[in-house]
Amino acid sequence: MWLGHHRSIKPPGLFALYVTGYSAFRIFEESLRVDPSEHFLGLRFNMYVAAIAHRRHAVWFCVHAAAQVG
């Protein structure tokens, strides 16, 4: 909420930034978990899902930030 009031980020961009941060935290959290999960190429499958989500939402935020500037 602070960014919405003190910066020129509009609501779609704020949501994209929130989801980007959440998925980045999930990557960190998945690296700490010890419960059983499916592994693929040495990493947990959940880690791949979080990384893909992080990439997509970071691009989404950049697109909204660029649209607000231009």
C-alpha atoms as a PDB file:
ATOM      1  CA  MET A   1       0.000   0.000   0.000  1.00  0.00           C
ATOM      2  CA  TRP A   2       2.899   2.350   0.698  1.00  0.00           C
ATOM      3  CA  LEU A   3       4.120   2.076  -2.902  1.00  0.00           C
ATOM      4  CA  GLY A   4       0.668   2.897  -4.225  1.00  0.00           C
ATOM      5  CA  HIS A   5       0.582   6.152  -2.274  1.00  0.00           C
ATOM      6  CA  HIS A   6       4.209   7.275  -2.565  1.00  0.00           C
ATOM      7  CA  ARG A   7       5.126   6.066  -6.039  1.00  0.00           C
ATOM      8  CA  SER A   8       3.410   6.345  -9.392  1.00  0.00           C
ATOM      9  CA  ILE A   9       2.638   2.612  -9.628  1.00  0.00           C
ATOM     10  CA  LYS A  10      -0.983   1.956 -10.565  1.00  0.00           C
ATOM     11  CA  PRO A  11      -3.023  -0.993  -9.200  1.00  0.00           C
ATOM     12  CA  PRO A  12      -2.316  -3.563 -11.971  1.00  0.00           C
ATOM     13  CA  GLY A  13       1.404  -2.918 -11.563  1.00  0.00           C
ATOM     14  CA  LEU A  14       1.144  -3.114  -7.774  1.00  0.00           C
ATOM     15  CA  PHE A  15      -0.505  -6.515  -7.992  1.00  0.00           C
ATOM     16  CA  ALA A  16       2.140  -7.721 -10.445  1.00  0.00           C
ATOM     17  CA  LEU A  17       4.861  -6.497  -8.071  1.00  0.00           C
ATOM     18  CA  TYR A  18       3.199  -8.294  -5.133  1.00  0.00           C
ATOM     19  CA  VAL A  19       2.942 -11.586  -7.023  1.00  0.00           C
ATOM     20  CA  THR A  20       6.547 -11.229  -8.212  1.00  0.00           C
ATOM     21  CA  GLY A  21       7.745 -10.804  -4.632  1.00  0.00           C
ATOM     22  CA  TYR A  22       5.585 -13.670  -3.422  1.00  0.00           C
ATOM     23  CA  SER A  23       6.941 -16.066  -6.030  1.00  0.00           C
ATOM     24  CA  ALA A  24      10.518 -14.953  -5.227  1.00  0.00           C
ATOM     25  CA  PHE A  25       9.837 -15.789  -1.584  1.00  0.00           C
ATOM     26  CA  ARG A  26       8.445 -19.178  -2.635  1.00  0.00           C
ATOM     27  CA  ILE A  27      11.735 -19.957  -4.404  1.00  0.00           C
ATOM     28  CA  PHE A  28      13.567 -19.232  -1.146  1.00  0.00           C
ATOM     29  CA  GLU A  29      11.045 -21.196   0.909  1.00  0.00           C
ATOM     30  CA  GLU A  30      11.200 -24.230  -1.377  1.00  0.00           C
ATOM     31  CA  SER A  31      14.963 -24.365  -0.925  1.00  0.00           C
ATOM     32  CA  LEU A  32      14.451 -24.755   2.853  1.00  0.00           C
ATOM     33  CA  ARG A  33      11.745 -27.435   2.809  1.00  0.00           C
ATOM     34  CA  VAL A  34      12.633 -31.018   3.701  1.00  0.00           C
ATOM     35  CA  ASP A  35       9.309 -32.799   3.148  1.00  0.00           C
ATOM     36  CA  PRO A  36       9.042 -35.296   0.273  1.00  0.00           C
ATOM     37  CA  SER A  37       8.292 -33.906  -3.156  1.00  0.00           C
ATOM     38  CA  GLU A  38       8.849 -34.816  -6.786  1.00  0.00           C
ATOM     39  CA  HIS A  39      12.350 -33.961  -8.019  1.00  0.00           C
ATOM     40  CA  PHE A  40      13.345 -33.084 -11.571  1.00  0.00           C
ATOM     41  CA  LEU A  41      16.977 -32.522 -12.579  1.00  0.00           C
ATOM     42  CA  GLY A  42      18.021 -32.344  -8.936  1.00  0.00           C
ATOM     43  CA  LEU A  43      15.543 -29.670  -7.840  1.00  0.00           C
ATOM     44  CA  ARG A  44      12.046 -29.879  -6.425  1.00  0.00           C
ATOM     45  CA  PHE A  45       9.265 -29.528  -8.978  1.00  0.00           C
ATOM     46  CA  ASN A  46       7.741 -26.769  -6.811  1.00  0.00           C
ATOM     47  CA  MET A  47      10.924 -24.741  -7.278  1.00  0.00           C
ATOM     48  CA  TYR A  48      10.484 -24.812 -11.045  1.00  0.00           C
ATOM     49  CA  VAL A  49       6.867 -23.701 -10.751  1.00  0.00           C
ATOM     50  CA  ALA A  50       7.843 -20.793  -8.491  1.00  0.00           C
ATOM     51  CA  ALA A  51      10.684 -19.776 -10.832  1.00  0.00           C
ATOM     52  CA  ILE A  52       8.388 -19.797 -13.868  1.00  0.00           C
ATOM     53  CA  ALA A  53       5.773 -17.772 -11.978  1.00  0.00           C
ATOM     54  CA  HIS A  54       8.430 -15.294 -10.849  1.00  0.00           C
ATOM     55  CA  ARG A  55       9.682 -14.775 -14.404  1.00  0.00           C
ATOM     56  CA  ARG A  56       6.186 -14.305 -15.843  1.00  0.00           C
ATOM     57  CA  HIS A  57       5.095 -11.844 -13.167  1.00  0.00           C
ATOM     58  CA  ALA A  58       8.329  -9.857 -13.337  1.00  0.00           C
ATOM     59  CA  VAL A  59       7.738  -9.409 -17.078  1.00  0.00           C
ATOM     60  CA  TRP A  60       4.117  -8.470 -16.350  1.00  0.00           C
ATOM     61  CA  PHE A  61       5.282  -5.804 -13.872  1.00  0.00           C
ATOM     62  CA  CYS A  62       7.843  -4.424 -16.338  1.00  0.00           C
ATOM     63  CA  VAL A  63       5.202  -4.177 -19.056  1.00  0.00           C
ATOM     64  CA  HIS A  64       2.848  -2.247 -16.749  1.00  0.00           C
ATOM     65  CA  ALA A  65       5.666  -0.009 -15.485  1.00  0.00           C
ATOM     66  CA  ALA A  66       6.718   0.775 -19.071  1.00  0.00           C
ATOM     67  CA  ALA A  67       3.116   1.518 -20.063  1.00  0.00           C
ATOM     68  CA  GLN A  68       2.774   4.017 -17.209  1.00  0.00           C
ATOM     69  CA  VAL A  69       5.966   5.868 -18.169  1.00  0.00           C
ATOM     70  CA  GLY A  70       5.279   6.035 -21.898  1.00  0.00           C
END
